[in-house]
Amino acid sequence: MKRVADLQECLSCSCFAIRRAARAVTQHYDRRLRPTGLRATQLTLLVVLALEGSKPLGYIASRLGTERTTLTRNLRPLIARGLVASEPHEDRRIQLLEATPRGIAAARKALPVWREAQRTIGALLTPDARRSLDATTQAVARARSAGSRRSTGRKKEG
């Protein structure tokens, strides 16, 4: 059998560690939110749509830091339940998304349960770990933004 010791360093992969942490946190929120009929990803999506108003799918995907295909898959049950409305834009390539009144009501109903999940997340994340995750997220977003500006040859305004 070929030696694979050179692969050992991959077990300390930052991507792997962050993905494991994200799964653990998501599972924590999903367990708490189960009685509401919403998953953590769905609640986040409803909240963003409720706060942002009618926005293109691409904008929402970017805002959530997710792929358009993943967002589309997560939207299907929300649209089917009447929690999110999807309408074509005058430019038919653009799909507009909006939380419906029923969707906003579902998010509000889930809010106390989410607050409890937020309060109890300390069992998984210490305040230092939370700050570290926030800092990592911000650093990755800055790097992605800088890389995007370099690849298009444009400076970001603002």
C-alpha atoms as a PDB file:
ATOM      1  CA  MET A   1       0.000   0.000   0.000  1.00  0.00           C
ATOM      2  CA  LYS A   2       1.290   3.404  -0.985  1.00  0.00           C
ATOM      3  CA  ARG A   3       2.219   5.721   1.890  1.00  0.00           C
ATOM      4  CA  VAL A   4      -0.160   8.610   2.391  1.00  0.00           C
ATOM      5  CA  ALA A   5       1.557  10.427   5.241  1.00  0.00           C
ATOM      6  CA  ASP A   6       1.932  13.469   3.003  1.00  0.00           C
ATOM      7  CA  LEU A   7      -1.854  13.875   3.125  1.00  0.00           C
ATOM      8  CA  GLN A   8      -1.847  14.284   6.922  1.00  0.00           C
ATOM      9  CA  GLU A   9      -1.484  18.060   6.691  1.00  0.00           C
ATOM     10  CA  CYS A  10      -4.877  18.243   4.920  1.00  0.00           C
ATOM     11  CA  LEU A  11      -6.582  17.361   8.215  1.00  0.00           C
ATOM     12  CA  SER A  12      -5.665  20.830   9.500  1.00  0.00           C
ATOM     13  CA  CYS A  13      -7.336  22.484   6.486  1.00  0.00           C
ATOM     14  CA  SER A  14      -9.012  25.788   7.347  1.00  0.00           C
ATOM     15  CA  CYS A  15     -11.790  25.145   4.850  1.00  0.00           C
ATOM     16  CA  PHE A  16     -12.563  21.761   6.399  1.00  0.00           C
ATOM     17  CA  ALA A  17     -12.572  23.213   9.923  1.00  0.00           C
ATOM     18  CA  ILE A  18     -14.854  26.102   8.996  1.00  0.00           C
ATOM     19  CA  ARG A  19     -17.258  23.819   7.100  1.00  0.00           C
ATOM     20  CA  ARG A  20     -17.452  21.449  10.090  1.00  0.00           C
ATOM     21  CA  ALA A  21     -18.145  24.379  12.400  1.00  0.00           C
ATOM     22  CA  ALA A  22     -20.798  25.725  10.022  1.00  0.00           C
ATOM     23  CA  ARG A  23     -22.524  22.333   9.893  1.00  0.00           C
ATOM     24  CA  ALA A  24     -22.526  22.053  13.691  1.00  0.00           C
ATOM     25  CA  VAL A  25     -23.965  25.557  14.101  1.00  0.00           C
ATOM     26  CA  THR A  26     -26.561  24.973  11.367  1.00  0.00           C
ATOM     27  CA  GLN A  27     -27.632  21.711  13.013  1.00  0.00           C
ATOM     28  CA  HIS A  28     -28.022  23.538  16.340  1.00  0.00           C
ATOM     29  CA  TYR A  29     -30.336  26.148  14.797  1.00  0.00           C
ATOM     30  CA  ASP A  30     -32.212  23.566  12.689  1.00  0.00           C
ATOM     31  CA  ARG A  31     -32.966  21.449  15.776  1.00  0.00           C
ATOM     32  CA  ARG A  32     -34.314  24.472  17.623  1.00  0.00           C
ATOM     33  CA  LEU A  33     -36.284  25.778  14.630  1.00  0.00           C
ATOM     34  CA  ARG A  34     -37.851  22.421  13.721  1.00  0.00           C
ATOM     35  CA  PRO A  35     -41.217  23.247  15.449  1.00  0.00           C
ATOM     36  CA  THR A  36     -41.533  26.385  13.267  1.00  0.00           C
ATOM     37  CA  GLY A  37     -41.332  24.417  10.022  1.00  0.00           C
ATOM     38  CA  LEU A  38     -38.339  26.484   8.917  1.00  0.00           C
ATOM     39  CA  ARG A  39     -34.713  25.568   8.594  1.00  0.00           C
ATOM     40  CA  ALA A  40     -31.989  28.027   9.553  1.00  0.00           C
ATOM     41  CA  THR A  41     -31.162  28.740   5.893  1.00  0.00           C
ATOM     42  CA  GLN A  42     -34.831  29.372   5.134  1.00  0.00           C
ATOM     43  CA  LEU A  43     -35.281  31.734   8.074  1.00  0.00           C
ATOM     44  CA  THR A  44     -32.188  33.691   7.062  1.00  0.00           C
ATOM     45  CA  LEU A  45     -33.492  33.949   3.511  1.00  0.00           C
ATOM     46  CA  LEU A  46     -36.923  35.137   4.699  1.00  0.00           C
ATOM     47  CA  VAL A  47     -35.339  37.727   6.994  1.00  0.00           C
ATOM     48  CA  VAL A  48     -33.088  39.092   4.237  1.00  0.00           C
ATOM     49  CA  LEU A  49     -36.018  39.304   1.822  1.00  0.00           C
ATOM     50  CA  ALA A  50     -38.245  40.931   4.454  1.00  0.00           C
ATOM     51  CA  LEU A  51     -35.591  43.547   5.214  1.00  0.00           C
ATOM     52  CA  GLU A  52     -34.382  44.137   1.656  1.00  0.00           C
ATOM     53  CA  GLY A  53     -37.709  44.103  -0.207  1.00  0.00           C
ATOM     54  CA  SER A  54     -38.020  42.894  -3.776  1.00  0.00           C
ATOM     55  CA  LYS A  55     -34.550  42.053  -5.095  1.00  0.00           C
ATOM     56  CA  PRO A  56     -33.065  40.026  -7.949  1.00  0.00           C
ATOM     57  CA  LEU A  57     -32.093  36.425  -7.227  1.00  0.00           C
ATOM     58  CA  GLY A  58     -28.453  37.187  -8.086  1.00  0.00           C
ATOM     59  CA  TYR A  59     -28.333  40.016  -5.550  1.00  0.00           C
ATOM     60  CA  ILE A  60     -29.822  37.816  -2.816  1.00  0.00           C
ATOM     61  CA  ALA A  61     -27.387  34.991  -3.639  1.00  0.00           C
ATOM     62  CA  SER A  62     -24.490  37.426  -3.329  1.00  0.00           C
ATOM     63  CA  ARG A  63     -25.907  38.927  -0.117  1.00  0.00           C
ATOM     64  CA  LEU A  64     -26.154  35.452   1.413  1.00  0.00           C
ATOM     65  CA  GLY A  65     -22.756  34.370   0.063  1.00  0.00           C
ATOM     66  CA  THR A  66     -24.262  31.396  -1.748  1.00  0.00           C
ATOM     67  CA  GLU A  67     -24.404  30.052  -5.271  1.00  0.00           C
ATOM     68  CA  ARG A  68     -27.461  30.890  -7.362  1.00  0.00           C
ATOM     69  CA  THR A  69     -28.230  27.176  -7.802  1.00  0.00           C
ATOM     70  CA  THR A  70     -28.129  26.605  -4.034  1.00  0.00           C
ATOM     71  CA  LEU A  71     -30.389  29.600  -3.474  1.00  0.00           C
ATOM     72  CA  THR A  72     -32.818  28.330  -6.125  1.00  0.00           C
ATOM     73  CA  ARG A  73     -32.955  24.931  -4.400  1.00  0.00           C
ATOM     74  CA  ASN A  74     -33.557  26.583  -0.995  1.00  0.00           C
ATOM     75  CA  LEU A  75     -36.265  28.823  -2.458  1.00  0.00           C
ATOM     76  CA  ARG A  76     -38.438  26.043  -3.910  1.00  0.00           C
ATOM     77  CA  PRO A  77     -40.129  24.985  -0.640  1.00  0.00           C
ATOM     78  CA  LEU A  78     -40.592  28.618   0.439  1.00  0.00           C
ATOM     79  CA  ILE A  79     -42.254  29.505  -2.850  1.00  0.00           C
ATOM     80  CA  ALA A  80     -44.396  26.339  -2.695  1.00  0.00           C
ATOM     81  CA  ARG A  81     -45.574  27.311   0.817  1.00  0.00           C
ATOM     82  CA  GLY A  82     -46.379  30.863  -0.284  1.00  0.00           C
ATOM     83  CA  LEU A  83     -43.699  32.395   1.934  1.00  0.00           C
ATOM     84  CA  VAL A  84     -41.712  33.879  -0.956  1.00  0.00           C
ATOM     85  CA  ALA A  85     -42.959  35.310  -4.232  1.00  0.00           C
ATOM     86  CA  SER A  86     -40.897  35.042  -7.381  1.00  0.00           C
ATOM     87  CA  GLU A  87     -41.697  37.234 -10.364  1.00  0.00           C
ATOM     88  CA  PRO A  88     -39.873  37.877 -13.622  1.00  0.00           C
ATOM     89  CA  HIS A  89     -38.291  41.291 -14.077  1.00  0.00           C
ATOM     90  CA  GLU A  90     -38.864  43.243 -17.287  1.00  0.00           C
ATOM     91  CA  ASP A  91     -35.459  41.828 -18.256  1.00  0.00           C
ATOM     92  CA  ARG A  92     -36.650  38.211 -18.343  1.00  0.00           C
ATOM     93  CA  ARG A  93     -33.214  36.936 -17.359  1.00  0.00           C
ATOM     94  CA  ILE A  94     -33.735  38.451 -13.907  1.00  0.00           C
ATOM     95  CA  GLN A  95     -35.979  36.841 -11.304  1.00  0.00           C
ATOM     96  CA  LEU A  96     -37.249  39.107  -8.510  1.00  0.00           C
ATOM     97  CA  LEU A  97     -37.772  37.659  -5.045  1.00  0.00           C
ATOM     98  CA  GLU A  98     -39.867  39.046  -2.236  1.00  0.00           C
ATOM     99  CA  ALA A  99     -41.030  37.784   1.148  1.00  0.00           C
ATOM    100  CA  THR A 100     -44.819  37.564   1.155  1.00  0.00           C
ATOM    101  CA  PRO A 101     -46.882  38.778   4.118  1.00  0.00           C
ATOM    102  CA  ARG A 102     -47.233  35.094   5.028  1.00  0.00           C
ATOM    103  CA  GLY A 103     -43.438  34.709   4.855  1.00  0.00           C
ATOM    104  CA  ILE A 104     -42.868  37.724   7.082  1.00  0.00           C
ATOM    105  CA  ALA A 105     -45.401  36.321   9.553  1.00  0.00           C
ATOM    106  CA  ALA A 106     -43.576  32.946   9.533  1.00  0.00           C
ATOM    107  CA  ALA A 107     -40.257  34.712  10.221  1.00  0.00           C
ATOM    108  CA  ARG A 108     -41.810  36.691  13.070  1.00  0.00           C
ATOM    109  CA  LYS A 109     -43.339  33.531  14.533  1.00  0.00           C
ATOM    110  CA  ALA A 110     -39.914  31.844  14.417  1.00  0.00           C
ATOM    111  CA  LEU A 111     -38.166  34.811  16.046  1.00  0.00           C
ATOM    112  CA  PRO A 112     -38.558  33.682  19.707  1.00  0.00           C
ATOM    113  CA  VAL A 113     -37.284  30.215  18.798  1.00  0.00           C
ATOM    114  CA  TRP A 114     -34.372  31.737  16.877  1.00  0.00           C
ATOM    115  CA  ARG A 115     -33.579  33.947  19.875  1.00  0.00           C
ATOM    116  CA  GLU A 116     -33.395  30.851  22.068  1.00  0.00           C
ATOM    117  CA  ALA A 117     -31.095  29.145  19.546  1.00  0.00           C
ATOM    118  CA  GLN A 118     -28.964  32.293  19.465  1.00  0.00           C
ATOM    119  CA  ARG A 119     -28.831  32.396  23.256  1.00  0.00           C
ATOM    120  CA  THR A 120     -27.853  28.738  23.567  1.00  0.00           C
ATOM    121  CA  ILE A 121     -25.241  28.707  20.814  1.00  0.00           C
ATOM    122  CA  GLY A 122     -22.683  29.495  23.517  1.00  0.00           C
ATOM    123  CA  ALA A 123     -22.606  25.772  24.267  1.00  0.00           C
ATOM    124  CA  LEU A 124     -20.974  25.374  20.850  1.00  0.00           C
ATOM    125  CA  LEU A 125     -19.239  28.726  20.414  1.00  0.00           C
ATOM    126  CA  THR A 126     -17.451  30.733  23.050  1.00  0.00           C
ATOM    127  CA  PRO A 127     -17.496  34.523  22.592  1.00  0.00           C
ATOM    128  CA  ASP A 128     -13.845  34.340  21.446  1.00  0.00           C
ATOM    129  CA  ALA A 129     -14.713  31.665  18.876  1.00  0.00           C
ATOM    130  CA  ARG A 130     -17.618  33.785  17.635  1.00  0.00           C
ATOM    131  CA  ARG A 131     -15.379  36.859  17.263  1.00  0.00           C
ATOM    132  CA  SER A 132     -12.816  34.729  15.437  1.00  0.00           C
ATOM    133  CA  LEU A 133     -15.462  33.433  13.020  1.00  0.00           C
ATOM    134  CA  ASP A 134     -16.726  36.966  12.422  1.00  0.00           C
ATOM    135  CA  ALA A 135     -13.179  38.166  11.734  1.00  0.00           C
ATOM    136  CA  THR A 136     -12.550  35.228   9.389  1.00  0.00           C
ATOM    137  CA  THR A 137     -15.767  35.919   7.500  1.00  0.00           C
ATOM    138  CA  GLN A 138     -14.885  39.596   7.102  1.00  0.00           C
ATOM    139  CA  ALA A 139     -11.330  38.798   5.976  1.00  0.00           C
ATOM    140  CA  VAL A 140     -12.540  36.305   3.373  1.00  0.00           C
ATOM    141  CA  ALA A 141     -15.163  38.785   2.106  1.00  0.00           C
ATOM    142  CA  ARG A 142     -12.493  41.503   1.775  1.00  0.00           C
ATOM    143  CA  ALA A 143     -10.168  39.134  -0.058  1.00  0.00           C
ATOM    144  CA  ARG A 144     -12.966  38.002  -2.376  1.00  0.00           C
ATOM    145  CA  SER A 145     -13.942  41.609  -3.063  1.00  0.00           C
ATOM    146  CA  ALA A 146     -10.324  42.602  -3.768  1.00  0.00           C
ATOM    147  CA  GLY A 147      -9.895  39.598  -6.053  1.00  0.00           C
ATOM    148  CA  SER A 148     -13.098  40.472  -7.881  1.00  0.00           C
ATOM    149  CA  ARG A 149     -11.904  44.038  -8.479  1.00  0.00           C
ATOM    150  CA  ARG A 150      -8.554  42.773  -9.772  1.00  0.00           C
ATOM    151  CA  SER A 151     -10.160  40.254 -12.133  1.00  0.00           C
ATOM    152  CA  THR A 152     -12.428  42.909 -13.677  1.00  0.00           C
ATOM    153  CA  GLY A 153      -9.735  45.573 -13.707  1.00  0.00           C
ATOM    154  CA  ARG A 154     -12.044  47.977 -11.882  1.00  0.00           C
ATOM    155  CA  LYS A 155     -11.769  49.640  -8.517  1.00  0.00           C
ATOM    156  CA  LYS A 156     -14.732  49.355  -6.251  1.00  0.00           C
ATOM    157  CA  GLU A 157     -16.297  52.727  -5.664  1.00  0.00           C
ATOM    158  CA  GLY A 158     -17.548  53.880  -2.378  1.00  0.00           C
END
